[in-house]
Amino acid sequence: MTIAVSGEEDLMAARHAVRSASMASGFPLSDQTRIVTAATELARNAYIHDGGGTVTIQEVRRPGGKGLRISVAGPGNLGRRRPHE
């Protein structure tokens, strides 16, 4: 799932999507909070410093269980380096 971030409402949509994905993956509440906070801050940085960007959420299956890969990329300086993961 990829969410375009170009405003405050998009930041909230990304936050809710990351929360839902972390819950569906079975993370404990404390880990959900950490995941959501980190992803939201990265998305906010892309919005503020790059004028927008995308948040991509992918479920990852590993031998020990499920996980998430959350990438945030922006078109400006953040995007020129590499997506934040």
PDB file of N, CA and C in Angstrom:
ATOM      1  N   MET A   1       0.854  -1.165   0.000  1.00  0.00           N
ATOM      2  CA  MET A   1       0.000   0.000   0.000  1.00  0.00           C
ATOM      3  C   MET A   1       0.903   1.231   0.000  1.00  0.00           C
ATOM      4  N   THR A   2       0.582   2.175  -0.869  1.00  0.00           N
ATOM      5  CA  THR A   2       1.329   3.422  -0.936  1.00  0.00           C
ATOM      6  C   THR A   2       0.368   4.588  -0.751  1.00  0.00           C
ATOM      7  N   ILE A   3       0.751   5.523   0.102  1.00  0.00           N
ATOM      8  CA  ILE A   3      -0.065   6.696   0.407  1.00  0.00           C
ATOM      9  C   ILE A   3       0.722   7.936   0.026  1.00  0.00           C
ATOM     10  N   ALA A   4       0.135   8.758  -0.825  1.00  0.00           N
ATOM     11  CA  ALA A   4       0.751  10.036  -1.183  1.00  0.00           C
ATOM     12  C   ALA A   4       0.522  11.022  -0.042  1.00  0.00           C
ATOM     13  N   VAL A   5       1.573  11.729   0.334  1.00  0.00           N
ATOM     14  CA  VAL A   5       1.488  12.698   1.425  1.00  0.00           C
ATOM     15  C   VAL A   5       1.754  14.089   0.865  1.00  0.00           C
ATOM     16  N   SER A   6       0.695  14.916   0.862  1.00  0.00           N
ATOM     17  CA  SER A   6       0.862  16.292   0.389  1.00  0.00           C
ATOM     18  C   SER A   6       0.165  17.291   1.306  1.00  0.00           C
ATOM     19  N   GLY A   7      -0.318  16.824   2.459  1.00  0.00           N
ATOM     20  CA  GLY A   7      -0.983  17.708   3.404  1.00  0.00           C
ATOM     21  C   GLY A   7      -1.208  17.016   4.734  1.00  0.00           C
ATOM     22  N   GLU A   8      -1.723  17.769   5.691  1.00  0.00           N
ATOM     23  CA  GLU A   8      -1.958  17.251   7.049  1.00  0.00           C
ATOM     24  C   GLU A   8      -2.920  16.064   7.048  1.00  0.00           C
ATOM     25  N   GLU A   9      -3.955  16.123   6.213  1.00  0.00           N
ATOM     26  CA  GLU A   9      -4.915  15.011   6.159  1.00  0.00           C
ATOM     27  C   GLU A   9      -4.239  13.731   5.674  1.00  0.00           C
ATOM     28  N   ASP A  10      -3.309  13.869   4.740  1.00  0.00           N
ATOM     29  CA  ASP A  10      -2.577  12.702   4.245  1.00  0.00           C
ATOM     30  C   ASP A  10      -1.679  12.120   5.332  1.00  0.00           C
ATOM     31  N   LEU A  11      -1.105  12.986   6.155  1.00  0.00           N
ATOM     32  CA  LEU A  11      -0.293  12.503   7.272  1.00  0.00           C
ATOM     33  C   LEU A  11      -1.135  11.652   8.217  1.00  0.00           C
ATOM     34  N   MET A  12      -2.361  12.097   8.477  1.00  0.00           N
ATOM     35  CA  MET A  12      -3.255  11.331   9.347  1.00  0.00           C
ATOM     36  C   MET A  12      -3.643  10.004   8.690  1.00  0.00           C
ATOM     37  N   ALA A  13      -3.886  10.025   7.380  1.00  0.00           N
ATOM     38  CA  ALA A  13      -4.224   8.789   6.668  1.00  0.00           C
ATOM     39  C   ALA A  13      -3.057   7.798   6.732  1.00  0.00           C
ATOM     40  N   ALA A  14      -1.838   8.302   6.550  1.00  0.00           N
ATOM     41  CA  ALA A  14      -0.656   7.444   6.630  1.00  0.00           C
ATOM     42  C   ALA A  14      -0.511   6.881   8.035  1.00  0.00           C
ATOM     43  N   ARG A  15      -0.721   7.716   9.027  1.00  0.00           N
ATOM     44  CA  ARG A  15      -0.620   7.277  10.421  1.00  0.00           C
ATOM     45  C   ARG A  15      -1.613   6.150  10.702  1.00  0.00           C
ATOM     46  N   HIS A  16      -2.855   6.319  10.261  1.00  0.00           N
ATOM     47  CA  HIS A  16      -3.875   5.291  10.488  1.00  0.00           C
ATOM     48  C   HIS A  16      -3.543   3.998   9.738  1.00  0.00           C
ATOM     49  N   ALA A  17      -3.016   4.121   8.521  1.00  0.00           N
ATOM     50  CA  ALA A  17      -2.660   2.942   7.739  1.00  0.00           C
ATOM     51  C   ALA A  17      -1.522   2.163   8.398  1.00  0.00           C
ATOM     52  N   VAL A  18      -0.529   2.886   8.908  1.00  0.00           N
ATOM     53  CA  VAL A  18       0.588   2.230   9.596  1.00  0.00           C
ATOM     54  C   VAL A  18       0.088   1.570  10.877  1.00  0.00           C
ATOM     55  N   ARG A  19      -0.778   2.239  11.608  1.00  0.00           N
ATOM     56  CA  ARG A  19      -1.348   1.644  12.827  1.00  0.00           C
ATOM     57  C   ARG A  19      -2.106   0.356  12.492  1.00  0.00           C
ATOM     58  N   SER A  20      -2.941   0.395  11.464  1.00  0.00           N
ATOM     59  CA  SER A  20      -3.709  -0.791  11.074  1.00  0.00           C
ATOM     60  C   SER A  20      -2.792  -1.938  10.656  1.00  0.00           C
ATOM     61  N   ALA A  21      -1.758  -1.621   9.885  1.00  0.00           N
ATOM     62  CA  ALA A  21      -0.821  -2.652   9.432  1.00  0.00           C
ATOM     63  C   ALA A  21      -0.050  -3.257  10.599  1.00  0.00           C
ATOM     64  N   SER A  22       0.351  -2.426  11.551  1.00  0.00           N
ATOM     65  CA  SER A  22       1.095  -2.949  12.701  1.00  0.00           C
ATOM     66  C   SER A  22       0.197  -3.816  13.591  1.00  0.00           C
ATOM     67  N   MET A  23      -1.069  -3.452  13.699  1.00  0.00           N
ATOM     68  CA  MET A  23      -2.017  -4.273  14.460  1.00  0.00           C
ATOM     69  C   MET A  23      -2.240  -5.612  13.744  1.00  0.00           C
ATOM     70  N   ALA A  24      -2.449  -5.554  12.428  1.00  0.00           N
ATOM     71  CA  ALA A  24      -2.705  -6.774  11.651  1.00  0.00           C
ATOM     72  C   ALA A  24      -1.503  -7.716  11.663  1.00  0.00           C
ATOM     73  N   SER A  25      -0.310  -7.164  11.808  1.00  0.00           N
ATOM     74  CA  SER A  25       0.897  -7.985  11.850  1.00  0.00           C
ATOM     75  C   SER A  25       1.153  -8.581  13.222  1.00  0.00           C
ATOM     76  N   GLY A  26       0.331  -8.199  14.193  1.00  0.00           N
ATOM     77  CA  GLY A  26       0.429  -8.800  15.518  1.00  0.00           C
ATOM     78  C   GLY A  26       1.448  -8.189  16.451  1.00  0.00           C
ATOM     79  N   PHE A  27       1.905  -6.974  16.167  1.00  0.00           N
ATOM     80  CA  PHE A  27       2.853  -6.328  17.066  1.00  0.00           C
ATOM     81  C   PHE A  27       2.171  -5.965  18.382  1.00  0.00           C
ATOM     82  N   PRO A  28       2.893  -6.076  19.500  1.00  0.00           N
ATOM     83  CA  PRO A  28       2.331  -5.618  20.774  1.00  0.00           C
ATOM     84  C   PRO A  28       2.085  -4.099  20.723  1.00  0.00           C
ATOM     85  N   LEU A  29       1.205  -3.613  21.580  1.00  0.00           N
ATOM     86  CA  LEU A  29       0.820  -2.200  21.584  1.00  0.00           C
ATOM     87  C   LEU A  29       2.026  -1.271  21.697  1.00  0.00           C
ATOM     88  N   SER A  30       2.988  -1.611  22.542  1.00  0.00           N
ATOM     89  CA  SER A  30       4.158  -0.736  22.709  1.00  0.00           C
ATOM     90  C   SER A  30       4.955  -0.639  21.407  1.00  0.00           C
ATOM     91  N   ASP A  31       5.095  -1.746  20.688  1.00  0.00           N
ATOM     92  CA  ASP A  31       5.796  -1.714  19.404  1.00  0.00           C
ATOM     93  C   ASP A  31       4.980  -0.979  18.352  1.00  0.00           C
ATOM     94  N   GLN A  32       3.657  -1.152  18.365  1.00  0.00           N
ATOM     95  CA  GLN A  32       2.800  -0.412  17.438  1.00  0.00           C
ATOM     96  C   GLN A  32       3.029   1.083  17.593  1.00  0.00           C
ATOM     97  N   THR A  33       3.082   1.534  18.840  1.00  0.00           N
ATOM     98  CA  THR A  33       3.279   2.957  19.114  1.00  0.00           C
ATOM     99  C   THR A  33       4.612   3.438  18.559  1.00  0.00           C
ATOM    100  N   ARG A  34       5.665   2.655  18.737  1.00  0.00           N
ATOM    101  CA  ARG A  34       6.990   3.032  18.214  1.00  0.00           C
ATOM    102  C   ARG A  34       6.998   3.079  16.688  1.00  0.00           C
ATOM    103  N   ILE A  35       6.388   2.080  16.074  1.00  0.00           N
ATOM    104  CA  ILE A  35       6.348   2.007  14.611  1.00  0.00           C
ATOM    105  C   ILE A  35       5.580   3.194  14.042  1.00  0.00           C
ATOM    106  N   VAL A  36       4.406   3.458  14.613  1.00  0.00           N
ATOM    107  CA  VAL A  36       3.569   4.560  14.130  1.00  0.00           C
ATOM    108  C   VAL A  36       4.280   5.896  14.319  1.00  0.00           C
ATOM    109  N   THR A  37       4.912   6.088  15.465  1.00  0.00           N
ATOM    110  CA  THR A  37       5.612   7.346  15.734  1.00  0.00           C
ATOM    111  C   THR A  37       6.757   7.560  14.747  1.00  0.00           C
ATOM    112  N   ALA A  38       7.565   6.538  14.518  1.00  0.00           N
ATOM    113  CA  ALA A  38       8.698   6.666  13.596  1.00  0.00           C
ATOM    114  C   ALA A  38       8.217   6.951  12.173  1.00  0.00           C
ATOM    115  N   ALA A  39       7.236   6.192  11.703  1.00  0.00           N
ATOM    116  CA  ALA A  39       6.734   6.392  10.337  1.00  0.00           C
ATOM    117  C   ALA A  39       6.110   7.770  10.171  1.00  0.00           C
ATOM    118  N   THR A  40       5.375   8.224  11.190  1.00  0.00           N
ATOM    119  CA  THR A  40       4.737   9.537  11.123  1.00  0.00           C
ATOM    120  C   THR A  40       5.777  10.650  11.069  1.00  0.00           C
ATOM    121  N   GLU A  41       6.822  10.537  11.866  1.00  0.00           N
ATOM    122  CA  GLU A  41       7.867  11.567  11.862  1.00  0.00           C
ATOM    123  C   GLU A  41       8.599  11.609  10.523  1.00  0.00           C
ATOM    124  N   LEU A  42       8.878  10.457   9.941  1.00  0.00           N
ATOM    125  CA  LEU A  42       9.523  10.436   8.628  1.00  0.00           C
ATOM    126  C   LEU A  42       8.611  11.030   7.556  1.00  0.00           C
ATOM    127  N   ALA A  43       7.325  10.686   7.605  1.00  0.00           N
ATOM    128  CA  ALA A  43       6.373  11.241   6.638  1.00  0.00           C
ATOM    129  C   ALA A  43       6.241  12.749   6.810  1.00  0.00           C
ATOM    130  N   ARG A  44       6.204  13.204   8.060  1.00  0.00           N
ATOM    131  CA  ARG A  44       6.119  14.644   8.329  1.00  0.00           C
ATOM    132  C   ARG A  44       7.357  15.365   7.800  1.00  0.00           C
ATOM    133  N   ASN A  45       8.529  14.768   7.964  1.00  0.00           N
ATOM    134  CA  ASN A  45       9.757  15.368   7.424  1.00  0.00           C
ATOM    135  C   ASN A  45       9.697  15.483   5.909  1.00  0.00           C
ATOM    136  N   ALA A  46       9.205  14.443   5.237  1.00  0.00           N
ATOM    137  CA  ALA A  46       9.074  14.507   3.777  1.00  0.00           C
ATOM    138  C   ALA A  46       8.097  15.609   3.387  1.00  0.00           C
ATOM    139  N   TYR A  47       7.018  15.742   4.131  1.00  0.00           N
ATOM    140  CA  TYR A  47       6.013  16.775   3.846  1.00  0.00           C
ATOM    141  C   TYR A  47       6.587  18.174   4.071  1.00  0.00           C
ATOM    142  N   ILE A  48       7.240  18.380   5.198  1.00  0.00           N
ATOM    143  CA  ILE A  48       7.752  19.709   5.550  1.00  0.00           C
ATOM    144  C   ILE A  48       8.965  20.095   4.703  1.00  0.00           C
ATOM    145  N   HIS A  49       9.921  19.186   4.564  1.00  0.00           N
ATOM    146  CA  HIS A  49      11.190  19.531   3.927  1.00  0.00           C
ATOM    147  C   HIS A  49      11.223  19.266   2.425  1.00  0.00           C
ATOM    148  N   ASP A  50      10.370  18.368   1.942  1.00  0.00           N
ATOM    149  CA  ASP A  50      10.350  18.040   0.513  1.00  0.00           C
ATOM    150  C   ASP A  50       9.069  18.489  -0.167  1.00  0.00           C
ATOM    151  N   GLY A  51       8.115  18.995   0.592  1.00  0.00           N
ATOM    152  CA  GLY A  51       6.850  19.413   0.010  1.00  0.00           C
ATOM    153  C   GLY A  51       5.892  18.264  -0.255  1.00  0.00           C
ATOM    154  N   GLY A  52       6.206  17.090   0.237  1.00  0.00           N
ATOM    155  CA  GLY A  52       5.350  15.924   0.061  1.00  0.00           C
ATOM    156  C   GLY A  52       6.181  14.686  -0.169  1.00  0.00           C
ATOM    157  N   GLY A  53       5.501  13.593  -0.420  1.00  0.00           N
ATOM    158  CA  GLY A  53       6.204  12.337  -0.644  1.00  0.00           C
ATOM    159  C   GLY A  53       5.239  11.180  -0.601  1.00  0.00           C
ATOM    160  N   THR A  54       5.791   9.996  -0.375  1.00  0.00           N
ATOM    161  CA  THR A  54       4.967   8.800  -0.279  1.00  0.00           C
ATOM    162  C   THR A  54       5.385   7.965   0.918  1.00  0.00           C
ATOM    163  N   VAL A  55       4.404   7.253   1.467  1.00  0.00           N
ATOM    164  CA  VAL A  55       4.639   6.269   2.513  1.00  0.00           C
ATOM    165  C   VAL A  55       4.207   4.933   1.931  1.00  0.00           C
ATOM    166  N   THR A  56       5.117   3.970   1.896  1.00  0.00           N
ATOM    167  CA  THR A  56       4.806   2.644   1.376  1.00  0.00           C
ATOM    168  C   THR A  56       4.898   1.637   2.518  1.00  0.00           C
ATOM    169  N   ILE A  57       3.848   0.841   2.664  1.00  0.00           N
ATOM    170  CA  ILE A  57       3.766  -0.151   3.733  1.00  0.00           C
ATOM    171  C   ILE A  57       3.692  -1.526   3.085  1.00  0.00           C
ATOM    172  N   GLN A  58       4.605  -2.403   3.467  1.00  0.00           N
ATOM    173  CA  GLN A  58       4.628  -3.763   2.935  1.00  0.00           C
ATOM    174  C   GLN A  58       4.708  -4.759   4.081  1.00  0.00           C
ATOM    175  N   GLU A  59       3.904  -5.802   3.995  1.00  0.00           N
ATOM    176  CA  GLU A  59       4.014  -6.880   4.971  1.00  0.00           C
ATOM    177  C   GLU A  59       5.167  -7.779   4.549  1.00  0.00           C
ATOM    178  N   VAL A  60       5.974  -8.188   5.514  1.00  0.00           N
ATOM    179  CA  VAL A  60       7.125  -9.048   5.267  1.00  0.00           C
ATOM    180  C   VAL A  60       6.920 -10.327   6.075  1.00  0.00           C
ATOM    181  N   ARG A  61       7.055 -11.452   5.413  1.00  0.00           N
ATOM    182  CA  ARG A  61       6.936 -12.741   6.109  1.00  0.00           C
ATOM    183  C   ARG A  61       8.338 -13.306   6.297  1.00  0.00           C
ATOM    184  N   ARG A  62       8.595 -13.716   7.513  1.00  0.00           N
ATOM    185  CA  ARG A  62       9.891 -14.293   7.854  1.00  0.00           C
ATOM    186  C   ARG A  62       9.651 -15.612   8.574  1.00  0.00           C
ATOM    187  N   PRO A  63      10.671 -16.439   8.680  1.00  0.00           N
ATOM    188  CA  PRO A  63      10.479 -17.724   9.362  1.00  0.00           C
ATOM    189  C   PRO A  63       9.909 -17.590  10.782  1.00  0.00           C
ATOM    190  N   GLY A  64      10.260 -16.525  11.477  1.00  0.00           N
ATOM    191  CA  GLY A  64       9.788 -16.334  12.844  1.00  0.00           C
ATOM    192  C   GLY A  64       8.445 -15.641  12.944  1.00  0.00           C
ATOM    193  N   GLY A  65       7.868 -15.210  11.837  1.00  0.00           N
ATOM    194  CA  GLY A  65       6.581 -14.513  11.876  1.00  0.00           C
ATOM    195  C   GLY A  65       6.499 -13.427  10.834  1.00  0.00           C
ATOM    196  N   LYS A  66       5.589 -12.498  11.082  1.00  0.00           N
ATOM    197  CA  LYS A  66       5.363 -11.401  10.139  1.00  0.00           C
ATOM    198  C   LYS A  66       6.071 -10.141  10.603  1.00  0.00           C
ATOM    199  N   GLY A  67       6.283  -9.239   9.676  1.00  0.00           N
ATOM    200  CA  GLY A  67       6.873  -7.949   9.987  1.00  0.00           C
ATOM    201  C   GLY A  67       6.381  -6.921   8.989  1.00  0.00           C
ATOM    202  N   LEU A  68       6.885  -5.704   9.119  1.00  0.00           N
ATOM    203  CA  LEU A  68       6.515  -4.620   8.217  1.00  0.00           C
ATOM    204  C   LEU A  68       7.758  -3.955   7.660  1.00  0.00           C
ATOM    205  N   ARG A  69       7.668  -3.512   6.423  1.00  0.00           N
ATOM    206  CA  ARG A  69       8.678  -2.640   5.834  1.00  0.00           C
ATOM    207  C   ARG A  69       7.943  -1.354   5.480  1.00  0.00           C
ATOM    208  N   ILE A  70       8.374  -0.275   6.083  1.00  0.00           N
ATOM    209  CA  ILE A  70       7.741   1.023   5.836  1.00  0.00           C
ATOM    210  C   ILE A  70       8.801   1.942   5.253  1.00  0.00           C
ATOM    211  N   SER A  71       8.555   2.415   4.045  1.00  0.00           N
ATOM    212  CA  SER A  71       9.490   3.307   3.367  1.00  0.00           C
ATOM    213  C   SER A  71       8.824   4.660   3.159  1.00  0.00           C
ATOM    214  N   VAL A  72       9.596   5.711   3.393  1.00  0.00           N
ATOM    215  CA  VAL A  72       9.101   7.069   3.175  1.00  0.00           C
ATOM    216  C   VAL A  72      10.070   7.746   2.222  1.00  0.00           C
ATOM    217  N   ALA A  73       9.537   8.329   1.151  1.00  0.00           N
ATOM    218  CA  ALA A  73      10.381   9.010   0.171  1.00  0.00           C
ATOM    219  C   ALA A  73       9.738  10.332  -0.211  1.00  0.00           C
ATOM    220  N   GLY A  74      10.579  11.311  -0.498  1.00  0.00           N
ATOM    221  CA  GLY A  74      10.103  12.615  -0.940  1.00  0.00           C
ATOM    222  C   GLY A  74      10.805  13.018  -2.216  1.00  0.00           C
ATOM    223  N   PRO A  75      10.253  13.972  -2.952  1.00  0.00           N
ATOM    224  CA  PRO A  75      10.824  14.380  -4.238  1.00  0.00           C
ATOM    225  C   PRO A  75      12.043  15.285  -4.122  1.00  0.00           C
ATOM    226  N   GLY A  76      12.262  15.872  -2.973  1.00  0.00           N
ATOM    227  CA  GLY A  76      13.355  16.837  -2.821  1.00  0.00           C
ATOM    228  C   GLY A  76      14.611  16.210  -2.275  1.00  0.00           C
ATOM    229  N   ASN A  77      15.217  16.870  -1.297  1.00  0.00           N
ATOM    230  CA  ASN A  77      16.490  16.415  -0.743  1.00  0.00           C
ATOM    231  C   ASN A  77      16.415  15.016  -0.164  1.00  0.00           C
ATOM    232  N   LEU A  78      15.327  14.691   0.522  1.00  0.00           N
ATOM    233  CA  LEU A  78      15.223  13.347   1.081  1.00  0.00           C
ATOM    234  C   LEU A  78      15.189  12.316  -0.035  1.00  0.00           C
ATOM    235  N   GLY A  79      14.444  12.588  -1.090  1.00  0.00           N
ATOM    236  CA  GLY A  79      14.308  11.653  -2.199  1.00  0.00           C
ATOM    237  C   GLY A  79      15.588  11.480  -2.996  1.00  0.00           C
ATOM    238  N   ARG A  80      16.445  12.483  -3.009  1.00  0.00           N
ATOM    239  CA  ARG A  80      17.694  12.389  -3.775  1.00  0.00           C
ATOM    240  C   ARG A  80      18.678  11.443  -3.122  1.00  0.00           C
ATOM    241  N   ARG A  81      18.611  11.342  -1.832  1.00  0.00           N
ATOM    242  CA  ARG A  81      19.511  10.421  -1.155  1.00  0.00           C
ATOM    243  C   ARG A  81      18.965   9.012  -1.365  1.00  0.00           C
ATOM    244  N   ARG A  82      18.099   8.566  -0.506  1.00  0.00           N
ATOM    245  CA  ARG A  82      17.454   7.262  -0.649  1.00  0.00           C
ATOM    246  C   ARG A  82      16.231   7.260   0.261  1.00  0.00           C
ATOM    247  N   PRO A  83      15.263   6.436  -0.028  1.00  0.00           N
ATOM    248  CA  PRO A  83      14.095   6.380   0.855  1.00  0.00           C
ATOM    249  C   PRO A  83      14.518   5.984   2.260  1.00  0.00           C
ATOM    250  N   HIS A  84      13.857   6.550   3.231  1.00  0.00           N
ATOM    251  CA  HIS A  84      14.118   6.202   4.634  1.00  0.00           C
ATOM    252  C   HIS A  84      13.373   4.928   4.941  1.00  0.00           C
ATOM    253  N   GLU A  85      14.034   3.949   5.499  1.00  0.00           N
ATOM    254  CA  GLU A  85      13.396   2.674   5.843  1.00  0.00           C
ATOM    255  C   GLU A  85      13.617   2.376   7.301  1.00  0.00           C
TER     256      GLU A  85
END
